[in-house]
Amino acid sequence: MPLRLFSDDAEAKALLAEHEEGRMGEREFEQGFAARLQAHGIEVDGTGLVHRIQSGLRADDAMIELVAEVRDAGFRVGLLSNSLGDDCYAGFDLAAMFDAVTISGEVGVRKPSRRAYDIACARLDVEPGAAVMVDDLPQNVVAAERAGLTAVLHRDAADTTRRLWAALGRS
């Protein structure tokens, strides 16, 4: 239920947007989201809530390897990510992994806004029609396609690898 609030509760959704777009820091977001959870009968301490939400996340080594393989094949690779937490990429050298990095909290706009895709493409120095985006959320895939990008919905590394290489013309 906690993460469902981001789609079902207007106040929780607004808190997430404020945080992902960099207008609200992690601590303020945690306290606000804890209050929304409490309004729905879930008692939770807001301190460290973002860390607890993310505690089950693990790096997808196969996808990290795919990024390296795509770059090694001569394609420029960018990251466009909605941020959750003030340091959501601790432990990752994004500048070494990607040719361009666009984090929502740093640019003030998040997916699925068309502007987020435009910024990411500009940073990668590619026209939207020549870009392929991989995302695990259907609404972001639809928005990317509306912005002119080719998009691949990620469900598992094997399928995404096959579909990405096909989109890049390397089946």
Protein backbone atom coordinates (compact mmCIF):
# COMPACT_ATOMS: atom_id res chain seq x y z
CA MET A 1 0.00 0.00 0.00
CA PRO A 2 2.67 2.63 0.77
CA LEU A 3 3.93 2.96 -2.80
CA ARG A 4 0.38 2.75 -4.19
CA LEU A 5 -0.26 6.10 -2.49
CA PHE A 6 1.91 7.77 -5.12
CA SER A 7 -0.80 7.02 -7.67
CA ASP A 8 -3.92 6.92 -5.46
CA ASP A 9 -3.40 9.85 -3.06
CA ALA A 10 -3.24 13.35 -4.60
CA GLU A 11 -1.22 14.79 -1.71
CA ALA A 12 1.32 11.94 -1.79
CA LYS A 13 1.59 12.31 -5.57
CA ALA A 14 2.22 16.05 -5.19
CA LEU A 15 4.89 15.41 -2.53
CA LEU A 16 6.67 12.99 -4.85
CA ALA A 17 6.56 15.46 -7.75
CA GLU A 18 7.95 18.25 -5.56
CA HIS A 19 10.77 16.02 -4.38
CA GLU A 20 11.60 14.47 -7.75
CA GLU A 21 11.77 17.92 -9.30
CA GLY A 22 14.14 19.20 -6.63
CA ARG A 23 11.74 21.65 -4.97
CA MET A 24 11.60 19.63 -1.73
CA GLY A 25 14.46 17.99 0.10
CA GLU A 26 14.54 14.42 1.31
CA ARG A 27 13.72 15.16 4.95
CA GLU A 28 10.71 17.29 4.14
CA PHE A 29 9.48 14.65 1.68
CA GLU A 30 9.90 11.91 4.29
CA GLN A 31 7.89 13.80 6.88
CA GLY A 32 5.14 14.67 4.40
CA PHE A 33 4.91 11.12 3.06
CA ALA A 34 4.88 9.69 6.59
CA ALA A 35 1.93 12.00 7.34
CA ARG A 36 0.10 10.71 4.24
CA LEU A 37 0.74 7.12 5.34
CA GLN A 38 -0.56 7.96 8.81
CA ALA A 39 -3.68 9.50 7.25
CA HIS A 40 -4.31 6.07 5.75
CA GLY A 41 -3.78 4.24 9.04
CA ILE A 42 -0.13 3.27 8.66
CA GLU A 43 2.00 4.42 11.58
CA VAL A 44 5.52 5.13 10.41
CA ASP A 45 8.43 7.31 11.46
CA GLY A 46 9.41 9.66 8.63
CA THR A 47 13.09 9.74 9.56
CA GLY A 48 14.99 7.56 7.11
CA LEU A 49 11.84 6.66 5.17
CA VAL A 50 13.45 7.12 1.75
CA HIS A 51 16.27 4.78 2.73
CA ARG A 52 13.74 2.20 3.93
CA ILE A 53 11.74 2.51 0.70
CA GLN A 54 14.91 1.92 -1.31
CA SER A 55 16.36 -0.80 0.93
CA GLY A 56 15.10 -3.59 -1.30
CA LEU A 57 16.52 -2.12 -4.48
CA ARG A 58 19.51 -3.88 -5.98
CA ALA A 59 21.68 -3.01 -8.94
CA ASP A 60 20.72 -4.96 -12.05
CA ASP A 61 24.15 -6.18 -13.11
CA ALA A 62 22.86 -7.44 -16.46
CA MET A 63 21.51 -3.98 -17.30
CA ILE A 64 24.71 -2.28 -16.17
CA GLU A 65 26.60 -4.65 -18.46
CA LEU A 66 24.19 -3.86 -21.31
CA VAL A 67 24.91 -0.13 -20.91
CA ALA A 68 28.64 -0.86 -21.24
CA GLU A 69 28.09 -3.12 -24.27
CA VAL A 70 25.97 -0.50 -26.04
CA ARG A 71 28.64 2.14 -25.42
CA ASP A 72 31.37 -0.26 -26.56
CA ALA A 73 29.40 -0.76 -29.79
CA GLY A 74 29.76 2.97 -30.47
CA PHE A 75 26.42 4.29 -29.29
CA ARG A 76 26.15 7.24 -26.94
CA VAL A 77 24.23 6.29 -23.79
CA GLY A 78 22.45 8.65 -21.43
CA LEU A 79 20.63 8.31 -18.15
CA LEU A 80 17.33 10.09 -17.54
CA SER A 81 16.10 9.37 -14.05
CA ASN A 82 13.54 10.66 -11.62
CA SER A 83 15.36 11.10 -8.34
CA LEU A 84 14.18 9.82 -4.98
CA GLY A 85 16.39 10.88 -2.12
CA ASP A 86 19.08 13.50 -1.96
CA ASP A 87 21.79 11.00 -2.95
CA CYS A 88 19.96 8.23 -4.77
CA TYR A 89 22.97 7.23 -6.85
CA ALA A 90 25.54 6.88 -4.08
CA GLY A 91 28.03 4.18 -5.01
CA PHE A 92 27.60 4.61 -8.77
CA ASP A 93 29.99 6.61 -10.94
CA LEU A 94 27.36 7.83 -13.37
CA ALA A 95 29.80 10.05 -15.25
CA ALA A 96 31.91 6.99 -16.04
CA MET A 97 28.91 4.83 -16.95
CA PHE A 98 27.05 7.28 -19.22
CA ASP A 99 27.84 9.90 -21.83
CA ALA A 100 25.18 12.21 -20.38
CA VAL A 101 23.26 12.19 -17.11
CA THR A 102 19.94 13.93 -16.50
CA ILE A 103 18.51 13.66 -12.99
CA SER A 104 15.08 15.17 -12.41
CA GLY A 105 15.94 16.80 -9.10
CA GLU A 106 18.85 18.61 -10.75
CA VAL A 107 16.99 19.87 -13.83
CA GLY A 108 13.67 20.65 -12.14
CA VAL A 109 11.49 18.47 -14.35
CA ARG A 110 10.68 14.76 -14.28
CA LYS A 111 9.44 12.02 -16.51
CA PRO A 112 6.92 11.77 -18.04
CA SER A 113 7.23 15.47 -18.92
CA ARG A 114 8.23 16.00 -22.55
CA ARG A 115 10.71 18.62 -21.35
CA ALA A 116 12.63 15.94 -19.41
CA TYR A 117 13.12 13.93 -22.62
CA ASP A 118 14.10 17.07 -24.54
CA ILE A 119 16.73 17.96 -21.92
CA ALA A 120 18.10 14.41 -21.88
CA CYS A 121 18.35 14.31 -25.69
CA ALA A 122 20.04 17.72 -25.78
CA ARG A 123 22.57 16.63 -23.16
CA LEU A 124 23.26 13.47 -25.16
CA ASP A 125 23.46 15.57 -28.35
CA VAL A 126 20.91 13.44 -30.19
CA GLU A 127 17.60 14.22 -31.86
CA PRO A 128 14.63 12.48 -30.22
CA GLY A 129 13.92 10.55 -33.43
CA ALA A 130 17.38 8.97 -33.23
CA ALA A 131 17.12 8.02 -29.54
CA VAL A 132 15.97 4.82 -27.91
CA MET A 133 14.82 4.94 -24.31
CA VAL A 134 14.46 2.04 -21.91
CA ASP A 135 12.15 2.48 -18.91
CA ASP A 136 10.31 0.19 -16.53
CA LEU A 137 7.17 2.34 -16.24
CA PRO A 138 4.59 2.20 -19.04
CA GLN A 139 3.65 5.88 -18.65
CA ASN A 140 7.27 6.90 -19.24
CA VAL A 141 7.49 4.70 -22.34
CA VAL A 142 4.30 6.25 -23.75
CA ALA A 143 5.57 9.76 -22.99
CA ALA A 144 8.95 9.03 -24.58
CA GLU A 145 7.22 7.82 -27.73
CA ARG A 146 5.04 10.96 -27.78
CA ALA A 147 8.25 13.00 -27.55
CA GLY A 148 9.54 11.23 -30.66
CA LEU A 149 11.84 8.65 -29.10
CA THR A 150 11.70 4.92 -29.69
CA ALA A 151 10.97 3.29 -26.35
CA VAL A 152 11.44 -0.15 -24.85
CA LEU A 153 9.48 -1.23 -21.79
CA HIS A 154 11.90 -2.99 -19.45
CA ARG A 155 10.66 -6.10 -17.66
CA ASP A 156 13.75 -8.30 -17.56
CA ALA A 157 17.29 -7.95 -18.81
CA ALA A 158 17.14 -10.69 -21.45
CA ASP A 159 14.04 -9.30 -23.16
CA THR A 160 15.24 -5.71 -22.88
CA THR A 161 18.62 -6.66 -24.35
CA ARG A 162 16.98 -8.33 -27.34
CA ARG A 163 14.52 -5.49 -27.92
CA LEU A 164 17.11 -2.73 -27.47
CA TRP A 165 19.55 -4.25 -29.94
CA ALA A 166 16.67 -4.64 -32.41
CA ALA A 167 15.70 -0.98 -31.94
CA LEU A 168 19.33 -0.02 -32.53
CA GLY A 169 19.35 -2.04 -35.76
CA ARG A 170 21.62 -4.75 -34.41
CA SER A 171 19.31 -7.75 -34.05
